[in-house]
Structure formats: C-alpha cells, structure tokens
Amino acid sequence: MGDTVSVTPWNLRDRLRKLPAGDLLVHAAVFLLGGAFIALGLALSVLPGPFTIPPILIGLVIWALEFDFAERWVDKAKAQAQETWENAKAHPLRTGLVTSGGIILFVLALVLASHYGLVDKAKGIIT
C-alpha cells in the first residue's frame, strides 16, 4: 500500500516551485490570473450596479496568495464592500432606482447608437 498524494492547488504550486525558475513561474501565473479578474472587474465598471466588485475581489484574493501588498488591499476592499452592501441594504429604494436608472440609460445609449449608426460612423473615422 503506497501513499497516494492528491494534487491540490497548493500541492501543485509547491511542486512548481521546485522547478528551475519555478518561483518566478508561480508568481507570474498568479499575477496574470489575478490581473485578468481585476481587468474584468474594471471592464464591467461601465455597467450599473455591483457587477465590478466580485471580479476585483477575486483577483485581489488570487494575488494575496503570493503577494503581501495584495493581502492589505483585500482587507481594505472587504471593508469597502461590506460598507457598500450595508448602505445598499439601508437604502433599498435608492439602490434600486440608481441601478434601474443605470440599466435604462445603458439600454437607451445602445438603442440610440444603433439608431444613428454611431458604431459604423466610428469605424469609418478610425479606418
């Protein structure tokens, strides 16, 4: 009976670190993966509502696995997210109106851009 070792993310990370330049490889992979989530959150920030918070928090948590600076950011982001959530719960009507208004404005902008052919005009200017 031999011991079977399951490969967990932590075990895999430790095994990768044993490779030549493995530490750099792990740092780069964690940085890129966390950065991708943060970029997604920033891209979603143009939409109304709390869509931007979860991907940014996920990216920061991923970074916090390897980087000390990110752990401090996670604590700060958690506090801000909790404060925002409590504020939204305390003022549900205002939160609903702002979110609904943002969605309506976004849809209106899409309709107007389509109606006036703004995307085609922008493409014509760029090319």
N, C-alpha and C. Protein backbone atom coordinates (compact mmCIF):
# COMPACT_ATOMS: atom_id res chain seq x y z
N MET A 1 0.83 -1.18 0.00
CA MET A 1 0.00 0.00 0.00
C MET A 1 0.88 1.24 0.00
N GLY A 2 0.91 1.90 -1.11
CA GLY A 2 1.68 3.14 -1.20
C GLY A 2 0.80 4.33 -0.87
N ASP A 3 1.45 5.37 -0.43
CA ASP A 3 0.70 6.60 -0.14
C ASP A 3 0.34 7.28 -1.45
N THR A 4 -0.91 7.63 -1.58
CA THR A 4 -1.32 8.38 -2.76
C THR A 4 -1.39 9.85 -2.37
N VAL A 5 -0.83 10.65 -3.22
CA VAL A 5 -0.82 12.09 -2.97
C VAL A 5 -1.77 12.74 -3.95
N SER A 6 -2.78 13.40 -3.41
CA SER A 6 -3.70 14.10 -4.29
C SER A 6 -3.08 15.43 -4.69
N VAL A 7 -3.34 15.84 -5.89
CA VAL A 7 -2.81 17.10 -6.38
C VAL A 7 -3.85 18.18 -6.09
N THR A 8 -3.51 19.02 -5.16
CA THR A 8 -4.35 20.17 -4.85
C THR A 8 -3.67 21.39 -5.42
N PRO A 9 -4.36 22.51 -5.49
CA PRO A 9 -3.68 23.71 -5.99
C PRO A 9 -2.44 24.05 -5.17
N TRP A 10 -2.49 23.79 -3.86
CA TRP A 10 -1.34 24.13 -3.01
C TRP A 10 -0.20 23.17 -3.30
N ASN A 11 -0.52 21.90 -3.45
CA ASN A 11 0.50 20.90 -3.74
C ASN A 11 1.13 21.19 -5.11
N LEU A 12 0.32 21.50 -6.08
CA LEU A 12 0.81 21.81 -7.42
C LEU A 12 1.71 23.04 -7.39
N ARG A 13 1.31 24.02 -6.62
CA ARG A 13 2.12 25.23 -6.50
C ARG A 13 3.47 24.91 -5.89
N ASP A 14 3.49 24.08 -4.85
CA ASP A 14 4.75 23.69 -4.23
C ASP A 14 5.62 22.88 -5.19
N ARG A 15 5.00 22.02 -5.96
CA ARG A 15 5.77 21.22 -6.94
C ARG A 15 6.34 22.11 -8.03
N LEU A 16 5.58 23.10 -8.47
CA LEU A 16 6.09 24.02 -9.49
C LEU A 16 7.25 24.85 -8.95
N ARG A 17 7.20 25.20 -7.68
CA ARG A 17 8.28 25.99 -7.08
C ARG A 17 9.61 25.25 -7.08
N LYS A 18 9.57 23.92 -7.09
CA LYS A 18 10.80 23.12 -7.07
C LYS A 18 11.50 23.10 -8.42
N LEU A 19 10.80 23.50 -9.47
CA LEU A 19 11.40 23.55 -10.80
C LEU A 19 12.39 24.71 -10.88
N PRO A 20 13.35 24.63 -11.82
CA PRO A 20 14.20 25.80 -12.04
C PRO A 20 13.32 26.98 -12.45
N ALA A 21 13.50 28.09 -11.82
CA ALA A 21 12.70 29.30 -12.05
C ALA A 21 11.22 29.07 -11.72
N GLY A 22 10.94 28.06 -10.92
CA GLY A 22 9.56 27.75 -10.56
C GLY A 22 8.90 28.84 -9.74
N ASP A 23 9.69 29.48 -8.87
CA ASP A 23 9.15 30.57 -8.07
C ASP A 23 8.67 31.71 -8.96
N LEU A 24 9.47 32.03 -9.95
CA LEU A 24 9.10 33.08 -10.90
C LEU A 24 7.87 32.66 -11.70
N LEU A 25 7.81 31.40 -12.09
CA LEU A 25 6.67 30.88 -12.85
C LEU A 25 5.38 31.00 -12.03
N VAL A 26 5.43 30.63 -10.76
CA VAL A 26 4.25 30.71 -9.90
C VAL A 26 3.83 32.17 -9.72
N HIS A 27 4.80 33.04 -9.45
CA HIS A 27 4.48 34.46 -9.28
C HIS A 27 3.83 35.02 -10.55
N ALA A 28 4.39 34.69 -11.70
CA ALA A 28 3.85 35.21 -12.97
C ALA A 28 2.44 34.68 -13.21
N ALA A 29 2.21 33.38 -12.95
CA ALA A 29 0.89 32.79 -13.19
C ALA A 29 -0.15 33.42 -12.26
N VAL A 30 0.21 33.59 -11.00
CA VAL A 30 -0.72 34.20 -10.04
C VAL A 30 -0.99 35.65 -10.43
N PHE A 31 0.06 36.37 -10.82
CA PHE A 31 -0.11 37.77 -11.22
C PHE A 31 -1.03 37.89 -12.42
N LEU A 32 -0.83 37.05 -13.44
CA LEU A 32 -1.65 37.12 -14.65
C LEU A 32 -3.10 36.73 -14.38
N LEU A 33 -3.30 35.66 -13.61
CA LEU A 33 -4.66 35.22 -13.32
C LEU A 33 -5.41 36.27 -12.50
N GLY A 34 -4.77 36.79 -11.46
CA GLY A 34 -5.40 37.85 -10.66
C GLY A 34 -5.64 39.09 -11.48
N GLY A 35 -4.68 39.45 -12.32
CA GLY A 35 -4.83 40.63 -13.18
C GLY A 35 -5.98 40.49 -14.16
N ALA A 36 -6.20 39.26 -14.65
CA ALA A 36 -7.31 39.04 -15.58
C ALA A 36 -8.65 39.31 -14.89
N PHE A 37 -8.79 38.85 -13.65
CA PHE A 37 -10.04 39.11 -12.93
C PHE A 37 -10.21 40.59 -12.62
N ILE A 38 -9.13 41.25 -12.25
CA ILE A 38 -9.22 42.68 -11.97
C ILE A 38 -9.57 43.45 -13.23
N ALA A 39 -8.98 43.08 -14.36
CA ALA A 39 -9.30 43.73 -15.63
C ALA A 39 -10.78 43.51 -15.99
N LEU A 40 -11.28 42.31 -15.74
CA LEU A 40 -12.70 42.04 -15.99
C LEU A 40 -13.58 42.94 -15.12
N GLY A 41 -13.22 43.07 -13.86
CA GLY A 41 -13.99 43.94 -12.96
C GLY A 41 -13.97 45.39 -13.42
N LEU A 42 -12.81 45.85 -13.88
CA LEU A 42 -12.72 47.23 -14.37
C LEU A 42 -13.53 47.40 -15.66
N ALA A 43 -13.50 46.38 -16.52
CA ALA A 43 -14.30 46.46 -17.76
C ALA A 43 -15.79 46.49 -17.43
N LEU A 44 -16.20 45.78 -16.40
CA LEU A 44 -17.61 45.76 -16.02
C LEU A 44 -18.03 47.02 -15.29
N SER A 45 -17.08 47.86 -14.91
CA SER A 45 -17.42 49.06 -14.14
C SER A 45 -18.26 50.05 -14.93
N VAL A 46 -18.33 49.90 -16.25
CA VAL A 46 -19.17 50.80 -17.04
C VAL A 46 -20.65 50.44 -16.91
N LEU A 47 -20.93 49.24 -16.40
CA LEU A 47 -22.32 48.83 -16.20
C LEU A 47 -22.79 49.27 -14.82
N PRO A 48 -24.07 49.49 -14.66
CA PRO A 48 -24.58 49.90 -13.35
C PRO A 48 -24.62 48.73 -12.38
N GLY A 49 -24.63 49.07 -11.12
CA GLY A 49 -24.78 48.05 -10.09
C GLY A 49 -23.46 47.53 -9.57
N PRO A 50 -23.53 46.50 -8.77
CA PRO A 50 -22.34 45.98 -8.09
C PRO A 50 -21.55 44.96 -8.91
N PHE A 51 -21.68 44.97 -10.23
CA PHE A 51 -21.02 43.96 -11.06
C PHE A 51 -19.50 44.00 -10.97
N THR A 52 -18.94 45.13 -10.66
CA THR A 52 -17.49 45.29 -10.69
C THR A 52 -16.81 44.74 -9.45
N ILE A 53 -17.50 44.66 -8.34
CA ILE A 53 -16.88 44.29 -7.07
C ILE A 53 -16.41 42.82 -7.04
N PRO A 54 -17.24 41.83 -7.37
CA PRO A 54 -16.78 40.44 -7.23
C PRO A 54 -15.53 40.08 -8.04
N PRO A 55 -15.45 40.43 -9.33
CA PRO A 55 -14.22 40.04 -10.04
C PRO A 55 -12.97 40.71 -9.48
N ILE A 56 -13.09 41.95 -9.06
CA ILE A 56 -11.92 42.64 -8.49
C ILE A 56 -11.52 41.97 -7.19
N LEU A 57 -12.49 41.62 -6.35
CA LEU A 57 -12.16 40.93 -5.10
C LEU A 57 -11.52 39.57 -5.37
N ILE A 58 -12.04 38.85 -6.35
CA ILE A 58 -11.46 37.55 -6.69
C ILE A 58 -10.01 37.73 -7.15
N GLY A 59 -9.78 38.73 -8.00
CA GLY A 59 -8.41 38.99 -8.46
C GLY A 59 -7.48 39.36 -7.32
N LEU A 60 -7.97 40.17 -6.38
CA LEU A 60 -7.14 40.53 -5.23
C LEU A 60 -6.85 39.34 -4.33
N VAL A 61 -7.86 38.48 -4.14
CA VAL A 61 -7.65 37.28 -3.32
C VAL A 61 -6.63 36.36 -3.99
N ILE A 62 -6.70 36.23 -5.30
CA ILE A 62 -5.71 35.42 -6.01
C ILE A 62 -4.32 36.01 -5.83
N TRP A 63 -4.20 37.32 -5.98
CA TRP A 63 -2.91 37.97 -5.78
C TRP A 63 -2.43 37.79 -4.35
N ALA A 64 -3.36 37.83 -3.38
CA ALA A 64 -2.97 37.71 -1.97
C ALA A 64 -2.36 36.35 -1.65
N LEU A 65 -2.57 35.36 -2.51
CA LEU A 65 -1.94 34.05 -2.31
C LEU A 65 -0.42 34.15 -2.41
N GLU A 66 0.07 35.12 -3.16
CA GLU A 66 1.51 35.25 -3.40
C GLU A 66 2.11 36.57 -2.95
N PHE A 67 1.33 37.63 -2.93
CA PHE A 67 1.88 38.96 -2.72
C PHE A 67 1.32 39.59 -1.45
N ASP A 68 2.23 40.07 -0.60
CA ASP A 68 1.82 40.68 0.67
C ASP A 68 1.02 41.96 0.47
N PHE A 69 1.41 42.77 -0.53
CA PHE A 69 0.69 44.03 -0.75
C PHE A 69 -0.78 43.77 -1.05
N ALA A 70 -1.05 42.68 -1.76
CA ALA A 70 -2.43 42.38 -2.14
C ALA A 70 -3.26 41.97 -0.93
N GLU A 71 -2.63 41.35 0.05
CA GLU A 71 -3.37 40.97 1.25
C GLU A 71 -3.90 42.20 1.97
N ARG A 72 -3.10 43.25 2.02
CA ARG A 72 -3.57 44.51 2.62
C ARG A 72 -4.71 45.10 1.80
N TRP A 73 -4.60 45.00 0.47
CA TRP A 73 -5.67 45.51 -0.40
C TRP A 73 -6.96 44.72 -0.21
N VAL A 74 -6.83 43.41 0.00
CA VAL A 74 -8.01 42.57 0.20
C VAL A 74 -8.76 43.01 1.45
N ASP A 75 -8.01 43.25 2.52
CA ASP A 75 -8.66 43.70 3.75
C ASP A 75 -9.39 45.02 3.54
N LYS A 76 -8.75 45.94 2.83
CA LYS A 76 -9.38 47.24 2.56
C LYS A 76 -10.61 47.06 1.65
N ALA A 77 -10.48 46.23 0.63
CA ALA A 77 -11.60 46.01 -0.30
C ALA A 77 -12.77 45.33 0.41
N LYS A 78 -12.47 44.38 1.30
CA LYS A 78 -13.54 43.72 2.05
C LYS A 78 -14.31 44.73 2.89
N ALA A 79 -13.58 45.63 3.55
CA ALA A 79 -14.23 46.65 4.38
C ALA A 79 -15.09 47.57 3.53
N GLN A 80 -14.58 47.99 2.36
CA GLN A 80 -15.36 48.86 1.48
C GLN A 80 -16.58 48.14 0.93
N ALA A 81 -16.42 46.88 0.56
CA ALA A 81 -17.54 46.11 0.01
C ALA A 81 -18.62 45.92 1.08
N GLN A 82 -18.20 45.63 2.29
CA GLN A 82 -19.16 45.46 3.38
C GLN A 82 -19.92 46.76 3.65
N GLU A 83 -19.19 47.88 3.64
CA GLU A 83 -19.82 49.18 3.86
C GLU A 83 -20.82 49.49 2.74
N THR A 84 -20.44 49.20 1.50
CA THR A 84 -21.33 49.44 0.36
C THR A 84 -22.58 48.57 0.46
N TRP A 85 -22.39 47.30 0.84
CA TRP A 85 -23.52 46.38 0.97
C TRP A 85 -24.48 46.85 2.06
N GLU A 86 -23.92 47.26 3.19
CA GLU A 86 -24.77 47.76 4.28
C GLU A 86 -25.52 49.02 3.85
N ASN A 87 -24.86 49.89 3.11
CA ASN A 87 -25.51 51.11 2.62
C ASN A 87 -26.64 50.77 1.65
N ALA A 88 -26.39 49.80 0.78
CA ALA A 88 -27.42 49.39 -0.17
C ALA A 88 -28.63 48.79 0.54
N LYS A 89 -28.37 47.99 1.57
CA LYS A 89 -29.48 47.39 2.34
C LYS A 89 -30.23 48.45 3.13
N ALA A 90 -29.53 49.46 3.59
CA ALA A 90 -30.18 50.51 4.38
C ALA A 90 -31.05 51.42 3.51
N HIS A 91 -30.74 51.51 2.23
CA HIS A 91 -31.48 52.37 1.31
C HIS A 91 -31.89 51.58 0.06
N PRO A 92 -32.79 50.60 0.22
CA PRO A 92 -33.12 49.74 -0.92
C PRO A 92 -33.80 50.48 -2.07
N LEU A 93 -34.64 51.46 -1.75
CA LEU A 93 -35.32 52.20 -2.82
C LEU A 93 -34.31 52.98 -3.66
N ARG A 94 -33.43 53.70 -3.00
CA ARG A 94 -32.41 54.47 -3.72
C ARG A 94 -31.51 53.55 -4.54
N THR A 95 -31.10 52.44 -3.94
CA THR A 95 -30.24 51.49 -4.64
C THR A 95 -30.95 50.94 -5.88
N GLY A 96 -32.21 50.59 -5.72
CA GLY A 96 -32.99 50.07 -6.85
C GLY A 96 -33.17 51.11 -7.95
N LEU A 97 -33.44 52.35 -7.54
CA LEU A 97 -33.62 53.42 -8.52
C LEU A 97 -32.33 53.72 -9.29
N VAL A 98 -31.22 53.78 -8.57
CA VAL A 98 -29.94 54.05 -9.23
C VAL A 98 -29.57 52.92 -10.18
N THR A 99 -29.74 51.69 -9.73
CA THR A 99 -29.41 50.54 -10.58
C THR A 99 -30.34 50.49 -11.79
N SER A 100 -31.63 50.65 -11.57
CA SER A 100 -32.59 50.63 -12.68
C SER A 100 -32.33 51.78 -13.64
N GLY A 101 -32.07 52.97 -13.09
CA GLY A 101 -31.77 54.11 -13.95
C GLY A 101 -30.52 53.89 -14.78
N GLY A 102 -29.51 53.28 -14.18
CA GLY A 102 -28.29 52.98 -14.93
C GLY A 102 -28.53 51.99 -16.05
N ILE A 103 -29.33 50.97 -15.78
CA ILE A 103 -29.66 49.98 -16.82
C ILE A 103 -30.46 50.64 -17.93
N ILE A 104 -31.43 51.47 -17.57
CA ILE A 104 -32.25 52.16 -18.58
C ILE A 104 -31.37 53.07 -19.44
N LEU A 105 -30.47 53.83 -18.81
CA LEU A 105 -29.58 54.71 -19.58
C LEU A 105 -28.66 53.91 -20.50
N PHE A 106 -28.18 52.78 -20.02
CA PHE A 106 -27.31 51.92 -20.83
C PHE A 106 -28.07 51.39 -22.05
N VAL A 107 -29.28 50.90 -21.84
CA VAL A 107 -30.10 50.39 -22.96
C VAL A 107 -30.44 51.53 -23.90
N LEU A 108 -30.77 52.69 -23.37
CA LEU A 108 -31.07 53.85 -24.21
C LEU A 108 -29.87 54.24 -25.07
N ALA A 109 -28.69 54.22 -24.46
CA ALA A 109 -27.47 54.53 -25.22
C ALA A 109 -27.25 53.52 -26.34
N LEU A 110 -27.50 52.24 -26.07
CA LEU A 110 -27.36 51.22 -27.12
C LEU A 110 -28.37 51.43 -28.25
N VAL A 111 -29.61 51.75 -27.88
CA VAL A 111 -30.65 51.98 -28.89
C VAL A 111 -30.29 53.20 -29.74
N LEU A 112 -29.89 54.28 -29.10
CA LEU A 112 -29.53 55.50 -29.84
C LEU A 112 -28.30 55.27 -30.73
N ALA A 113 -27.31 54.56 -30.21
CA ALA A 113 -26.12 54.26 -31.01
C ALA A 113 -26.49 53.42 -32.22
N SER A 114 -27.42 52.50 -32.04
CA SER A 114 -27.86 51.67 -33.17
C SER A 114 -28.69 52.50 -34.16
N HIS A 115 -29.59 53.30 -33.64
CA HIS A 115 -30.48 54.09 -34.49
C HIS A 115 -29.69 55.09 -35.36
N TYR A 116 -28.72 55.74 -34.78
CA TYR A 116 -27.95 56.75 -35.51
C TYR A 116 -26.70 56.17 -36.16
N GLY A 117 -26.50 54.86 -36.07
CA GLY A 117 -25.37 54.21 -36.72
C GLY A 117 -24.02 54.71 -36.20
N LEU A 118 -23.93 54.98 -34.92
CA LEU A 118 -22.71 55.55 -34.35
C LEU A 118 -21.52 54.60 -34.44
N VAL A 119 -21.78 53.30 -34.34
CA VAL A 119 -20.68 52.34 -34.43
C VAL A 119 -20.08 52.36 -35.83
N ASP A 120 -20.95 52.36 -36.85
CA ASP A 120 -20.46 52.42 -38.22
C ASP A 120 -19.72 53.72 -38.50
N LYS A 121 -20.25 54.83 -37.98
CA LYS A 121 -19.58 56.11 -38.16
C LYS A 121 -18.21 56.12 -37.48
N ALA A 122 -18.13 55.55 -36.30
CA ALA A 122 -16.85 55.48 -35.58
C ALA A 122 -15.86 54.61 -36.34
N LYS A 123 -16.33 53.50 -36.90
CA LYS A 123 -15.45 52.64 -37.69
C LYS A 123 -14.94 53.39 -38.91
N GLY A 124 -15.81 54.20 -39.54
CA GLY A 124 -15.41 54.98 -40.70
C GLY A 124 -14.36 56.03 -40.36
N ILE A 125 -14.45 56.59 -39.17
CA ILE A 125 -13.47 57.59 -38.74
C ILE A 125 -12.13 56.93 -38.45
N ILE A 126 -12.17 55.75 -37.83
CA ILE A 126 -10.94 55.05 -37.45
C ILE A 126 -10.20 54.53 -38.67
N THR A 127 -10.92 54.02 -39.66
CA THR A 127 -10.24 53.44 -40.83
C THR A 127 -9.98 54.45 -41.89
